[in-house]
Amino acid sequence: MRCSNGATGTYHFKRLSLEKGYGGGSYRGRSMSFTYGLTLDESEPYLKLPPGQKLEHDGKTLALVDISPAPRRPITTGSRKTQPGH
C-alpha cells in the first residue's frame, strides 16, 4: 500500500466472517496488528502489543496504555521493616 504522503506499508488480513477479521503487517519499518468487528476480548489473541503496553477500554474508547509497574512493598524480616534494595 502507498499512502498519499509517499509512505509505504504492507499488510495482510484474514476474514473470520463477512464483518469480522484480523491482520498484520508493517508500516515505515514498524510492525502492526489489527482487528475489525471484534470485541476487545475476541481481539486479544490476534493482537501483538508492544512490550510494556496493554489495551484499555473506558466504555467508549479503546487505547494503548503503559502497564504500571507494581508498587514496591516493604519487606518484613522479623520485627524490622526494610524497603527493597536497602
C-alpha atoms as a PDB file:
ATOM      1  CA  MET A   1       0.000   0.000   0.000  1.00  0.00           C
ATOM      2  CA  ARG A   2       1.267   3.500  -0.775  1.00  0.00           C
ATOM      3  CA  CYS A   3      -0.141   6.454   1.151  1.00  0.00           C
ATOM      4  CA  SER A   4      -0.675   9.910  -0.289  1.00  0.00           C
ATOM      5  CA  ASN A   5       2.377  11.164   1.648  1.00  0.00           C
ATOM      6  CA  GLY A   6       4.591   8.617  -0.131  1.00  0.00           C
ATOM      7  CA  ALA A   7       4.965   6.235   2.815  1.00  0.00           C
ATOM      8  CA  THR A   8       4.543   2.556   2.025  1.00  0.00           C
ATOM      9  CA  GLY A   9       3.372  -0.385   4.047  1.00  0.00           C
ATOM     10  CA  THR A  10       2.457  -3.997   3.565  1.00  0.00           C
ATOM     11  CA  TYR A  11      -0.233  -5.879   5.379  1.00  0.00           C
ATOM     12  CA  HIS A  12      -2.382  -8.976   5.161  1.00  0.00           C
ATOM     13  CA  PHE A  13      -5.703  -9.820   6.683  1.00  0.00           C
ATOM     14  CA  LYS A  14      -7.801 -12.886   7.340  1.00  0.00           C
ATOM     15  CA  ARG A  15     -11.553 -12.676   7.243  1.00  0.00           C
ATOM     16  CA  LEU A  16     -13.274 -14.658  10.004  1.00  0.00           C
ATOM     17  CA  SER A  17     -16.743 -13.782   8.713  1.00  0.00           C
ATOM     18  CA  LEU A  18     -18.258 -11.175   6.439  1.00  0.00           C
ATOM     19  CA  GLU A  19     -17.853  -8.481   9.120  1.00  0.00           C
ATOM     20  CA  LYS A  20     -15.009  -9.744  11.339  1.00  0.00           C
ATOM     21  CA  GLY A  21     -11.317 -10.393  10.900  1.00  0.00           C
ATOM     22  CA  TYR A  22      -7.732  -9.620  11.812  1.00  0.00           C
ATOM     23  CA  GLY A  23      -4.420  -8.872  10.196  1.00  0.00           C
ATOM     24  CA  GLY A  24      -0.915  -7.565  10.490  1.00  0.00           C
ATOM     25  CA  GLY A  25       1.932  -6.099   8.551  1.00  0.00           C
ATOM     26  CA  SER A  26       4.465  -3.303   8.596  1.00  0.00           C
ATOM     27  CA  TYR A  27       4.461   0.440   8.060  1.00  0.00           C
ATOM     28  CA  ARG A  28       7.645   2.535   7.952  1.00  0.00           C
ATOM     29  CA  GLY A  29       9.628  -0.425   9.257  1.00  0.00           C
ATOM     30  CA  ARG A  30       7.401  -0.984  12.297  1.00  0.00           C
ATOM     31  CA  SER A  31       5.082  -3.916  12.777  1.00  0.00           C
ATOM     32  CA  MET A  32       1.361  -3.524  13.305  1.00  0.00           C
ATOM     33  CA  SER A  33      -1.596  -5.760  14.050  1.00  0.00           C
ATOM     34  CA  PHE A  34      -5.283  -5.015  13.874  1.00  0.00           C
ATOM     35  CA  THR A  35      -8.750  -6.493  14.193  1.00  0.00           C
ATOM     36  CA  TYR A  36     -12.100  -5.360  12.917  1.00  0.00           C
ATOM     37  CA  GLY A  37     -15.615  -6.199  14.038  1.00  0.00           C
ATOM     38  CA  LEU A  38     -14.343  -7.998  17.156  1.00  0.00           C
ATOM     39  CA  THR A  39     -14.765  -7.154  20.828  1.00  0.00           C
ATOM     40  CA  LEU A  40     -11.690  -6.436  22.944  1.00  0.00           C
ATOM     41  CA  ASP A  41     -11.774  -9.956  24.407  1.00  0.00           C
ATOM     42  CA  GLU A  42     -12.151 -11.532  20.951  1.00  0.00           C
ATOM     43  CA  SER A  43      -9.301  -9.375  19.610  1.00  0.00           C
ATOM     44  CA  GLU A  44      -6.671 -10.210  22.211  1.00  0.00           C
ATOM     45  CA  PRO A  45      -5.384 -13.455  20.632  1.00  0.00           C
ATOM     46  CA  TYR A  46      -4.790 -11.675  17.312  1.00  0.00           C
ATOM     47  CA  LEU A  47      -3.066  -8.520  18.552  1.00  0.00           C
ATOM     48  CA  LYS A  48       0.681  -8.256  19.125  1.00  0.00           C
ATOM     49  CA  LEU A  49       1.105  -5.381  21.566  1.00  0.00           C
ATOM     50  CA  PRO A  50       4.375  -3.550  22.189  1.00  0.00           C
ATOM     51  CA  PRO A  51       6.236  -4.697  25.317  1.00  0.00           C
ATOM     52  CA  GLY A  52       5.085  -2.886  28.451  1.00  0.00           C
ATOM     53  CA  GLN A  53       1.725  -1.856  26.990  1.00  0.00           C
ATOM     54  CA  LYS A  54      -1.854  -3.097  27.166  1.00  0.00           C
ATOM     55  CA  LEU A  55      -5.246  -2.218  25.724  1.00  0.00           C
ATOM     56  CA  GLU A  56      -7.662  -0.368  27.970  1.00  0.00           C
ATOM     57  CA  HIS A  57     -11.327   0.374  27.295  1.00  0.00           C
ATOM     58  CA  ASP A  58     -13.247   3.078  29.174  1.00  0.00           C
ATOM     59  CA  GLY A  59     -16.671   2.197  27.781  1.00  0.00           C
ATOM     60  CA  LYS A  60     -16.301   4.339  24.650  1.00  0.00           C
ATOM     61  CA  THR A  61     -12.669   4.457  23.596  1.00  0.00           C
ATOM     62  CA  LEU A  62     -10.012   1.804  23.225  1.00  0.00           C
ATOM     63  CA  ALA A  63      -6.453   2.985  23.931  1.00  0.00           C
ATOM     64  CA  LEU A  64      -2.953   1.546  24.101  1.00  0.00           C
ATOM     65  CA  VAL A  65      -1.569   2.434  27.544  1.00  0.00           C
ATOM     66  CA  ASP A  66       1.577   1.742  29.544  1.00  0.00           C
ATOM     67  CA  ILE A  67       1.413  -1.063  32.069  1.00  0.00           C
ATOM     68  CA  SER A  68       2.024   0.436  35.509  1.00  0.00           C
ATOM     69  CA  PRO A  69       4.794  -1.240  37.471  1.00  0.00           C
ATOM     70  CA  ALA A  70       3.639  -2.976  40.636  1.00  0.00           C
ATOM     71  CA  PRO A  71       4.045  -0.764  43.698  1.00  0.00           C
ATOM     72  CA  ARG A  72       7.038  -1.640  45.861  1.00  0.00           C
ATOM     73  CA  ARG A  73       6.051  -3.163  49.173  1.00  0.00           C
ATOM     74  CA  PRO A  74       8.191  -3.203  52.315  1.00  0.00           C
ATOM     75  CA  ILE A  75       9.922  -6.496  53.065  1.00  0.00           C
ATOM     76  CA  THR A  76       9.331  -7.684  56.609  1.00  0.00           C
ATOM     77  CA  THR A  77      12.213  -9.534  58.265  1.00  0.00           C
ATOM     78  CA  GLY A  78      11.383 -10.389  61.842  1.00  0.00           C
ATOM     79  CA  SER A  79      10.258  -7.213  63.565  1.00  0.00           C
ATOM     80  CA  ARG A  80      12.212  -4.882  61.267  1.00  0.00           C
ATOM     81  CA  LYS A  81      10.744  -3.466  58.043  1.00  0.00           C
ATOM     82  CA  THR A  82      13.017  -2.547  55.156  1.00  0.00           C
ATOM     83  CA  GLN A  83      12.465  -1.246  51.661  1.00  0.00           C
ATOM     84  CA  PRO A  84      13.584  -3.493  48.764  1.00  0.00           C
ATOM     85  CA  GLY A  85      17.145  -2.659  47.777  1.00  0.00           C
ATOM     86  CA  HIS A  86      18.062  -1.243  51.232  1.00  0.00           C
END
